[in-house]
C-alpha cells in the first residue's frame, strides 16, 4: 500500500504555514528549511548530512509506511530523499 500524496501535502503546508504550490507553480521552502523524504532509494544519511541539517532552521521529515509514498511526494514536495540504511 502506498500513502496518498494529498494528506502529506496538507500536513507539510500546515507546518510551513503556506501552500507549496502545484506541479506548474511550485513554491520552494524558505531558506533554512528542508523537507526530507525518508526512502530506501535516497542518498545515504551520513555525519555530513547530520551537520548540514543541524544548521537548518526547520527540518521536516516525511516517513512512509507500507510500500512507501506516492512518487509525486518525492517529485514535488520533498527537497531531498535520504536513506538511513546501511551499505556493506
PDB file of N, CA and C in Angstrom:
ATOM      1  N   UNK A   1       0.838  -1.170   0.000  1.00  0.00           N
ATOM      2  CA  UNK A   1       0.000   0.000   0.000  1.00  0.00           C
ATOM      3  C   UNK A   1       0.891   1.244   0.000  1.00  0.00           C
ATOM      4  N   UNK A   2       0.558   2.216  -0.803  1.00  0.00           N
ATOM      5  CA  UNK A   2       1.309   3.462  -0.925  1.00  0.00           C
ATOM      6  C   UNK A   2       0.487   4.598  -0.324  1.00  0.00           C
ATOM      7  N   UNK A   3       1.148   5.459   0.449  1.00  0.00           N
ATOM      8  CA  UNK A   3       0.455   6.604   1.031  1.00  0.00           C
ATOM      9  C   UNK A   3       0.085   7.609  -0.058  1.00  0.00           C
ATOM     10  N   UNK A   4      -1.129   8.121  -0.009  1.00  0.00           N
ATOM     11  CA  UNK A   4      -1.580   9.112  -0.969  1.00  0.00           C
ATOM     12  C   UNK A   4      -0.862  10.435  -0.728  1.00  0.00           C
ATOM     13  N   UNK A   5      -0.662  11.234  -1.785  1.00  0.00           N
ATOM     14  CA  UNK A   5       0.077  12.485  -1.615  1.00  0.00           C
ATOM     15  C   UNK A   5      -0.714  13.601  -0.926  1.00  0.00           C
ATOM     16  N   UNK A   6      -2.028  13.638  -1.103  1.00  0.00           N
ATOM     17  CA  UNK A   6      -2.820  14.757  -0.595  1.00  0.00           C
ATOM     18  C   UNK A   6      -2.645  14.998   0.908  1.00  0.00           C
ATOM     19  N   UNK A   7      -2.776  13.966   1.768  1.00  0.00           N
ATOM     20  CA  UNK A   7      -2.602  14.224   3.205  1.00  0.00           C
ATOM     21  C   UNK A   7      -1.183  14.683   3.559  1.00  0.00           C
ATOM     22  N   UNK A   8      -0.182  14.205   2.839  1.00  0.00           N
ATOM     23  CA  UNK A   8       1.186  14.626   3.108  1.00  0.00           C
ATOM     24  C   UNK A   8       1.405  16.080   2.700  1.00  0.00           C
ATOM     25  N   UNK A   9       0.875  16.471   1.548  1.00  0.00           N
ATOM     26  CA  UNK A   9       0.977  17.867   1.124  1.00  0.00           C
ATOM     27  C   UNK A   9       0.266  18.774   2.125  1.00  0.00           C
ATOM     28  N   UNK A  10      -0.912  18.376   2.568  1.00  0.00           N
ATOM     29  CA  UNK A  10      -1.663  19.183   3.536  1.00  0.00           C
ATOM     30  C   UNK A  10      -0.901  19.319   4.849  1.00  0.00           C
ATOM     31  N   UNK A  11      -0.312  18.236   5.319  1.00  0.00           N
ATOM     32  CA  UNK A  11       0.431  18.270   6.583  1.00  0.00           C
ATOM     33  C   UNK A  11       1.643  19.197   6.479  1.00  0.00           C
ATOM     34  N   UNK A  12       2.393  19.091   5.389  1.00  0.00           N
ATOM     35  CA  UNK A  12       3.574  19.947   5.218  1.00  0.00           C
ATOM     36  C   UNK A  12       3.160  21.407   5.070  1.00  0.00           C
ATOM     37  N   UNK A  13       2.100  21.666   4.328  1.00  0.00           N
ATOM     38  CA  UNK A  13       1.622  23.042   4.180  1.00  0.00           C
ATOM     39  C   UNK A  13       1.189  23.617   5.526  1.00  0.00           C
ATOM     40  N   UNK A  14       0.587  22.810   6.367  1.00  0.00           N
ATOM     41  CA  UNK A  14       0.187  23.254   7.700  1.00  0.00           C
ATOM     42  C   UNK A  14       1.427  23.612   8.529  1.00  0.00           C
ATOM     43  N   UNK A  15       2.448  22.776   8.451  1.00  0.00           N
ATOM     44  CA  UNK A  15       3.685  23.046   9.186  1.00  0.00           C
ATOM     45  C   UNK A  15       4.393  24.302   8.682  1.00  0.00           C
ATOM     46  N   UNK A  16       4.402  24.493   7.356  1.00  0.00           N
ATOM     47  CA  UNK A  16       5.064  25.656   6.773  1.00  0.00           C
ATOM     48  C   UNK A  16       4.258  26.937   6.942  1.00  0.00           C
ATOM     49  N   UNK A  17       2.937  26.787   7.035  1.00  0.00           N
ATOM     50  CA  UNK A  17       2.081  27.961   7.154  1.00  0.00           C
ATOM     51  C   UNK A  17       1.723  28.596   5.827  1.00  0.00           C
ATOM     52  N   UNK A  18       2.005  27.885   4.734  1.00  0.00           N
ATOM     53  CA  UNK A  18       1.644  28.390   3.404  1.00  0.00           C
ATOM     54  C   UNK A  18       1.595  27.227   2.415  1.00  0.00           C
ATOM     55  N   UNK A  19       1.039  27.486   1.251  1.00  0.00           N
ATOM     56  CA  UNK A  19       0.928  26.476   0.202  1.00  0.00           C
ATOM     57  C   UNK A  19       2.298  26.190  -0.401  1.00  0.00           C
ATOM     58  N   UNK A  20       2.467  24.979  -0.875  1.00  0.00           N
ATOM     59  CA  UNK A  20       3.694  24.626  -1.598  1.00  0.00           C
ATOM     60  C   UNK A  20       3.473  24.728  -3.102  1.00  0.00           C
ATOM     61  N   UNK A  21       2.314  25.221  -3.507  1.00  0.00           N
ATOM     62  CA  UNK A  21       2.006  25.383  -4.920  1.00  0.00           C
ATOM     63  C   UNK A  21       1.519  24.098  -5.548  1.00  0.00           C
ATOM     64  N   UNK A  22       1.710  24.010  -6.849  1.00  0.00           N
ATOM     65  CA  UNK A  22       1.307  22.805  -7.578  1.00  0.00           C
ATOM     66  C   UNK A  22       2.408  22.429  -8.564  1.00  0.00           C
ATOM     67  N   UNK A  23       2.144  21.440  -9.401  1.00  0.00           N
ATOM     68  CA  UNK A  23       3.166  20.937 -10.330  1.00  0.00           C
ATOM     69  C   UNK A  23       3.662  22.027 -11.280  1.00  0.00           C
ATOM     70  N   UNK A  24       2.797  22.952 -11.648  1.00  0.00           N
ATOM     71  CA  UNK A  24       3.174  24.002 -12.587  1.00  0.00           C
ATOM     72  C   UNK A  24       3.778  25.217 -11.897  1.00  0.00           C
ATOM     73  N   UNK A  25       3.373  25.493 -10.670  1.00  0.00           N
ATOM     74  CA  UNK A  25       3.833  26.667  -9.930  1.00  0.00           C
ATOM     75  C   UNK A  25       4.289  26.277  -8.532  1.00  0.00           C
ATOM     76  N   UNK A  26       5.405  25.576  -8.466  1.00  0.00           N
ATOM     77  CA  UNK A  26       5.928  25.101  -7.185  1.00  0.00           C
ATOM     78  C   UNK A  26       6.505  26.267  -6.389  1.00  0.00           C
ATOM     79  N   UNK A  27       6.161  26.319  -5.094  1.00  0.00           N
ATOM     80  CA  UNK A  27       6.688  27.331  -4.193  1.00  0.00           C
ATOM     81  C   UNK A  27       7.762  26.656  -3.345  1.00  0.00           C
ATOM     82  N   UNK A  28       9.030  27.024  -3.543  1.00  0.00           N
ATOM     83  CA  UNK A  28      10.090  26.364  -2.769  1.00  0.00           C
ATOM     84  C   UNK A  28      10.032  26.774  -1.305  1.00  0.00           C
ATOM     85  N   UNK A  29      10.510  25.908  -0.404  1.00  0.00           N
ATOM     86  CA  UNK A  29      10.521  26.275   1.014  1.00  0.00           C
ATOM     87  C   UNK A  29      11.494  27.424   1.258  1.00  0.00           C
ATOM     88  N   UNK A  30      11.320  28.097   2.382  1.00  0.00           N
ATOM     89  CA  UNK A  30      12.197  29.204   2.728  1.00  0.00           C
ATOM     90  C   UNK A  30      13.627  28.711   2.894  1.00  0.00           C
ATOM     91  N   UNK A  31      14.562  29.620   2.767  1.00  0.00           N
ATOM     92  CA  UNK A  31      15.953  29.294   3.040  1.00  0.00           C
ATOM     93  C   UNK A  31      16.055  28.812   4.479  1.00  0.00           C
ATOM     94  N   UNK A  32      16.813  27.770   4.696  1.00  0.00           N
ATOM     95  CA  UNK A  32      16.953  27.227   6.036  1.00  0.00           C
ATOM     96  C   UNK A  32      15.936  26.155   6.368  1.00  0.00           C
ATOM     97  N   UNK A  33      15.157  25.733   5.368  1.00  0.00           N
ATOM     98  CA  UNK A  33      14.162  24.677   5.554  1.00  0.00           C
ATOM     99  C   UNK A  33      14.427  23.535   4.598  1.00  0.00           C
ATOM    100  N   UNK A  34      14.352  22.316   5.100  1.00  0.00           N
ATOM    101  CA  UNK A  34      14.468  21.124   4.253  1.00  0.00           C
ATOM    102  C   UNK A  34      13.262  20.236   4.512  1.00  0.00           C
ATOM    103  N   UNK A  35      12.722  19.687   3.443  1.00  0.00           N
ATOM    104  CA  UNK A  35      11.630  18.720   3.528  1.00  0.00           C
ATOM    105  C   UNK A  35      12.208  17.409   3.024  1.00  0.00           C
ATOM    106  N   UNK A  36      12.450  16.481   3.935  1.00  0.00           N
ATOM    107  CA  UNK A  36      13.194  15.264   3.635  1.00  0.00           C
ATOM    108  C   UNK A  36      12.265  14.056   3.607  1.00  0.00           C
ATOM    109  N   UNK A  37      12.309  13.335   2.509  1.00  0.00           N
ATOM    110  CA  UNK A  37      11.563  12.087   2.378  1.00  0.00           C
ATOM    111  C   UNK A  37      12.505  10.945   2.723  1.00  0.00           C
ATOM    112  N   UNK A  38      12.157  10.185   3.742  1.00  0.00           N
ATOM    113  CA  UNK A  38      12.946   9.007   4.101  1.00  0.00           C
ATOM    114  C   UNK A  38      12.601   7.913   3.098  1.00  0.00           C
ATOM    115  N   UNK A  39      13.629   7.410   2.405  1.00  0.00           N
ATOM    116  CA  UNK A  39      13.393   6.467   1.322  1.00  0.00           C
ATOM    117  C   UNK A  39      14.604   5.570   1.124  1.00  0.00           C
ATOM    118  N   UNK A  40      14.370   4.300   0.881  1.00  0.00           N
ATOM    119  CA  UNK A  40      15.469   3.382   0.594  1.00  0.00           C
ATOM    120  C   UNK A  40      16.215   3.783  -0.670  1.00  0.00           C
ATOM    121  N   UNK A  41      15.548   4.528  -1.551  1.00  0.00           N
ATOM    122  CA  UNK A  41      16.165   4.962  -2.798  1.00  0.00           C
ATOM    123  C   UNK A  41      16.969   6.257  -2.635  1.00  0.00           C
ATOM    124  N   UNK A  42      16.926   6.857  -1.440  1.00  0.00           N
ATOM    125  CA  UNK A  42      17.604   8.126  -1.214  1.00  0.00           C
ATOM    126  C   UNK A  42      19.092   7.983  -0.972  1.00  0.00           C
ATOM    127  N   UNK A  43      19.758   9.144  -0.867  1.00  0.00           N
ATOM    128  CA  UNK A  43      21.182   9.161  -0.532  1.00  0.00           C
ATOM    129  C   UNK A  43      21.363   8.685   0.895  1.00  0.00           C
ATOM    130  N   UNK A  44      22.467   8.031   1.151  1.00  0.00           N
ATOM    131  CA  UNK A  44      22.747   7.504   2.475  1.00  0.00           C
ATOM    132  C   UNK A  44      22.952   8.645   3.477  1.00  0.00           C
ATOM    133  N   UNK A  45      22.314   8.541   4.626  1.00  0.00           N
ATOM    134  CA  UNK A  45      22.470   9.520   5.701  1.00  0.00           C
ATOM    135  C   UNK A  45      23.868   9.370   6.290  1.00  0.00           C
ATOM    136  N   UNK A  46      24.607  10.470   6.313  1.00  0.00           N
ATOM    137  CA  UNK A  46      25.978  10.454   6.818  1.00  0.00           C
ATOM    138  C   UNK A  46      26.143  11.506   7.907  1.00  0.00           C
ATOM    139  N   UNK A  47      27.308  11.512   8.516  1.00  0.00           N
ATOM    140  CA  UNK A  47      27.611  12.537   9.516  1.00  0.00           C
ATOM    141  C   UNK A  47      27.565  13.923   8.885  1.00  0.00           C
ATOM    142  N   UNK A  48      28.019  14.045   7.657  1.00  0.00           N
ATOM    143  CA  UNK A  48      27.967  15.332   6.955  1.00  0.00           C
ATOM    144  C   UNK A  48      26.516  15.784   6.756  1.00  0.00           C
ATOM    145  N   UNK A  49      25.643  14.845   6.448  1.00  0.00           N
ATOM    146  CA  UNK A  49      24.214  15.169   6.310  1.00  0.00           C
ATOM    147  C   UNK A  49      23.686  15.691   7.642  1.00  0.00           C
ATOM    148  N   UNK A  50      24.057  15.040   8.735  1.00  0.00           N
ATOM    149  CA  UNK A  50      23.619  15.465  10.067  1.00  0.00           C
ATOM    150  C   UNK A  50      24.116  16.873  10.374  1.00  0.00           C
ATOM    151  N   UNK A  51      25.345  17.167  10.024  1.00  0.00           N
ATOM    152  CA  UNK A  51      25.885  18.523  10.253  1.00  0.00           C
ATOM    153  C   UNK A  51      25.106  19.563   9.453  1.00  0.00           C
ATOM    154  N   UNK A  52      24.824  19.230   8.206  1.00  0.00           N
ATOM    155  CA  UNK A  52      24.068  20.164   7.354  1.00  0.00           C
ATOM    156  C   UNK A  52      22.682  20.413   7.931  1.00  0.00           C
ATOM    157  N   UNK A  53      21.999  19.353   8.369  1.00  0.00           N
ATOM    158  CA  UNK A  53      20.670  19.505   8.959  1.00  0.00           C
ATOM    159  C   UNK A  53      20.712  20.305  10.262  1.00  0.00           C
ATOM    160  N   UNK A  54      21.782  20.161  11.022  1.00  0.00           N
ATOM    161  CA  UNK A  54      21.905  20.877  12.294  1.00  0.00           C
ATOM    162  C   UNK A  54      21.959  22.390  12.094  1.00  0.00           C
ATOM    163  N   UNK A  55      22.366  22.823  10.917  1.00  0.00           N
ATOM    164  CA  UNK A  55      22.448  24.254  10.626  1.00  0.00           C
ATOM    165  C   UNK A  55      21.155  24.839  10.066  1.00  0.00           C
ATOM    166  N   UNK A  56      20.153  24.001   9.861  1.00  0.00           N
ATOM    167  CA  UNK A  56      18.876  24.473   9.320  1.00  0.00           C
ATOM    168  C   UNK A  56      18.000  25.060  10.426  1.00  0.00           C
ATOM    169  N   UNK A  57      17.100  25.943  10.029  1.00  0.00           N
ATOM    170  CA  UNK A  57      16.109  26.482  10.955  1.00  0.00           C
ATOM    171  C   UNK A  57      14.955  25.506  11.148  1.00  0.00           C
ATOM    172  N   UNK A  58      14.620  24.772  10.080  1.00  0.00           N
ATOM    173  CA  UNK A  58      13.477  23.864  10.121  1.00  0.00           C
ATOM    174  C   UNK A  58      13.770  22.630   9.285  1.00  0.00           C
ATOM    175  N   UNK A  59      13.452  21.470   9.857  1.00  0.00           N
ATOM    176  CA  UNK A  59      13.647  20.198   9.173  1.00  0.00           C
ATOM    177  C   UNK A  59      12.352  19.399   9.297  1.00  0.00           C
ATOM    178  N   UNK A  60      11.750  19.092   8.161  1.00  0.00           N
ATOM    179  CA  UNK A  60      10.522  18.307   8.132  1.00  0.00           C
ATOM    180  C   UNK A  60      10.858  16.945   7.549  1.00  0.00           C
ATOM    181  N   UNK A  61      10.601  15.891   8.325  1.00  0.00           N
ATOM    182  CA  UNK A  61      10.870  14.526   7.877  1.00  0.00           C
ATOM    183  C   UNK A  61       9.562  13.844   7.499  1.00  0.00           C
ATOM    184  N   UNK A  62       9.519  13.267   6.315  1.00  0.00           N
ATOM    185  CA  UNK A  62       8.360  12.512   5.853  1.00  0.00           C
ATOM    186  C   UNK A  62       8.758  11.049   5.840  1.00  0.00           C
ATOM    187  N   UNK A  63       8.093  10.267   6.662  1.00  0.00           N
ATOM    188  CA  UNK A  63       8.419   8.845   6.779  1.00  0.00           C
ATOM    189  C   UNK A  63       7.209   8.024   6.349  1.00  0.00           C
ATOM    190  N   UNK A  64       7.346   7.313   5.245  1.00  0.00           N
ATOM    191  CA  UNK A  64       6.258   6.490   4.740  1.00  0.00           C
ATOM    192  C   UNK A  64       6.189   5.159   5.457  1.00  0.00           C
ATOM    193  N   UNK A  65       5.106   4.474   5.251  1.00  0.00           N
ATOM    194  CA  UNK A  65       4.924   3.126   5.779  1.00  0.00           C
ATOM    195  C   UNK A  65       4.542   2.228   4.613  1.00  0.00           C
ATOM    196  N   UNK A  66       4.380   0.980   4.911  1.00  0.00           N
ATOM    197  CA  UNK A  66       3.971   0.022   3.902  1.00  0.00           C
ATOM    198  C   UNK A  66       4.986   0.007   2.755  1.00  0.00           C
ATOM    199  N   UNK A  67       4.541   0.272   1.550  1.00  0.00           N
ATOM    200  CA  UNK A  67       5.408   0.264   0.370  1.00  0.00           C
ATOM    201  C   UNK A  67       6.088   1.606   0.149  1.00  0.00           C
ATOM    202  N   UNK A  68       5.656   2.638   0.852  1.00  0.00           N
ATOM    203  CA  UNK A  68       6.254   3.962   0.675  1.00  0.00           C
ATOM    204  C   UNK A  68       5.193   5.008   0.429  1.00  0.00           C
ATOM    205  N   UNK A  69       5.562   6.026  -0.361  1.00  0.00           N
ATOM    206  CA  UNK A  69       4.656   7.132  -0.655  1.00  0.00           C
ATOM    207  C   UNK A  69       4.520   7.289  -2.162  1.00  0.00           C
ATOM    208  N   UNK A  70       3.478   7.967  -2.560  1.00  0.00           N
ATOM    209  CA  UNK A  70       3.242   8.273  -3.964  1.00  0.00           C
ATOM    210  C   UNK A  70       4.437   9.062  -4.514  1.00  0.00           C
ATOM    211  N   UNK A  71       4.847   8.776  -5.724  1.00  0.00           N
ATOM    212  CA  UNK A  71       6.018   9.403  -6.335  1.00  0.00           C
ATOM    213  C   UNK A  71       5.908  10.924  -6.413  1.00  0.00           C
ATOM    214  N   UNK A  72       4.693  11.459  -6.445  1.00  0.00           N
ATOM    215  CA  UNK A  72       4.525  12.920  -6.505  1.00  0.00           C
ATOM    216  C   UNK A  72       5.091  13.602  -5.272  1.00  0.00           C
ATOM    217  N   UNK A  73       5.133  12.909  -4.149  1.00  0.00           N
ATOM    218  CA  UNK A  73       5.713  13.482  -2.930  1.00  0.00           C
ATOM    219  C   UNK A  73       7.207  13.714  -3.147  1.00  0.00           C
ATOM    220  N   UNK A  74       7.901  12.738  -3.682  1.00  0.00           N
ATOM    221  CA  UNK A  74       9.338  12.882  -3.956  1.00  0.00           C
ATOM    222  C   UNK A  74       9.594  13.930  -5.027  1.00  0.00           C
ATOM    223  N   UNK A  75       8.742  13.954  -6.029  1.00  0.00           N
ATOM    224  CA  UNK A  75       8.959  14.847  -7.164  1.00  0.00           C
ATOM    225  C   UNK A  75       8.628  16.307  -6.868  1.00  0.00           C
ATOM    226  N   UNK A  76       7.529  16.571  -6.150  1.00  0.00           N
ATOM    227  CA  UNK A  76       7.049  17.937  -5.998  1.00  0.00           C
ATOM    228  C   UNK A  76       7.099  18.502  -4.572  1.00  0.00           C
ATOM    229  N   UNK A  77       7.237  17.649  -3.562  1.00  0.00           N
ATOM    230  CA  UNK A  77       7.169  18.149  -2.186  1.00  0.00           C
ATOM    231  C   UNK A  77       8.523  18.113  -1.491  1.00  0.00           C
ATOM    232  N   UNK A  78       9.175  16.979  -1.518  1.00  0.00           N
ATOM    233  CA  UNK A  78      10.440  16.818  -0.803  1.00  0.00           C
ATOM    234  C   UNK A  78      11.567  17.588  -1.490  1.00  0.00           C
ATOM    235  N   UNK A  79      12.459  18.149  -0.678  1.00  0.00           N
ATOM    236  CA  UNK A  79      13.639  18.808  -1.233  1.00  0.00           C
ATOM    237  C   UNK A  79      14.755  17.802  -1.455  1.00  0.00           C
ATOM    238  N   UNK A  80      14.682  16.644  -0.756  1.00  0.00           N
ATOM    239  CA  UNK A  80      15.666  15.579  -0.959  1.00  0.00           C
ATOM    240  C   UNK A  80      15.144  14.278  -0.366  1.00  0.00           C
ATOM    241  N   UNK A  81      15.776  13.178  -0.795  1.00  0.00           N
ATOM    242  CA  UNK A  81      15.450  11.845  -0.263  1.00  0.00           C
ATOM    243  C   UNK A  81      16.693  11.308   0.442  1.00  0.00           C
ATOM    244  N   UNK A  82      16.479  10.773   1.643  1.00  0.00           N
ATOM    245  CA  UNK A  82      17.568  10.246   2.450  1.00  0.00           C
ATOM    246  C   UNK A  82      17.243   8.820   2.868  1.00  0.00           C
ATOM    247  N   UNK A  83      18.257   7.971   2.873  1.00  0.00           N
ATOM    248  CA  UNK A  83      18.127   6.601   3.343  1.00  0.00           C
ATOM    249  C   UNK A  83      18.940   6.442   4.620  1.00  0.00           C
ATOM    250  N   UNK A  84      18.375   5.780   5.607  1.00  0.00           N
ATOM    251  CA  UNK A  84      19.126   5.506   6.836  1.00  0.00           C
ATOM    252  C   UNK A  84      19.630   4.066   6.841  1.00  0.00           C
ATOM    253  N   UNK A  85      19.550   3.404   5.689  1.00  0.00           N
ATOM    254  CA  UNK A  85      20.028   2.038   5.555  1.00  0.00           C
ATOM    255  C   UNK A  85      21.538   1.969   5.632  1.00  0.00           C
ATOM    256  N   UNK A  86      22.047   0.771   5.617  1.00  0.00           N
ATOM    257  CA  UNK A  86      23.490   0.597   5.683  1.00  0.00           C
ATOM    258  C   UNK A  86      24.016   0.054   4.371  1.00  0.00           C
ATOM    259  N   UNK A  87      25.279   0.260   4.142  1.00  0.00           N
ATOM    260  CA  UNK A  87      25.946  -0.311   2.976  1.00  0.00           C
ATOM    261  C   UNK A  87      26.993  -1.296   3.479  1.00  0.00           C
ATOM    262  N   UNK A  88      27.227  -2.325   2.716  1.00  0.00           N
ATOM    263  CA  UNK A  88      28.190  -3.347   3.117  1.00  0.00           C
ATOM    264  C   UNK A  88      29.336  -3.385   2.152  1.00  0.00           C
TER     265      UNK A  88
END
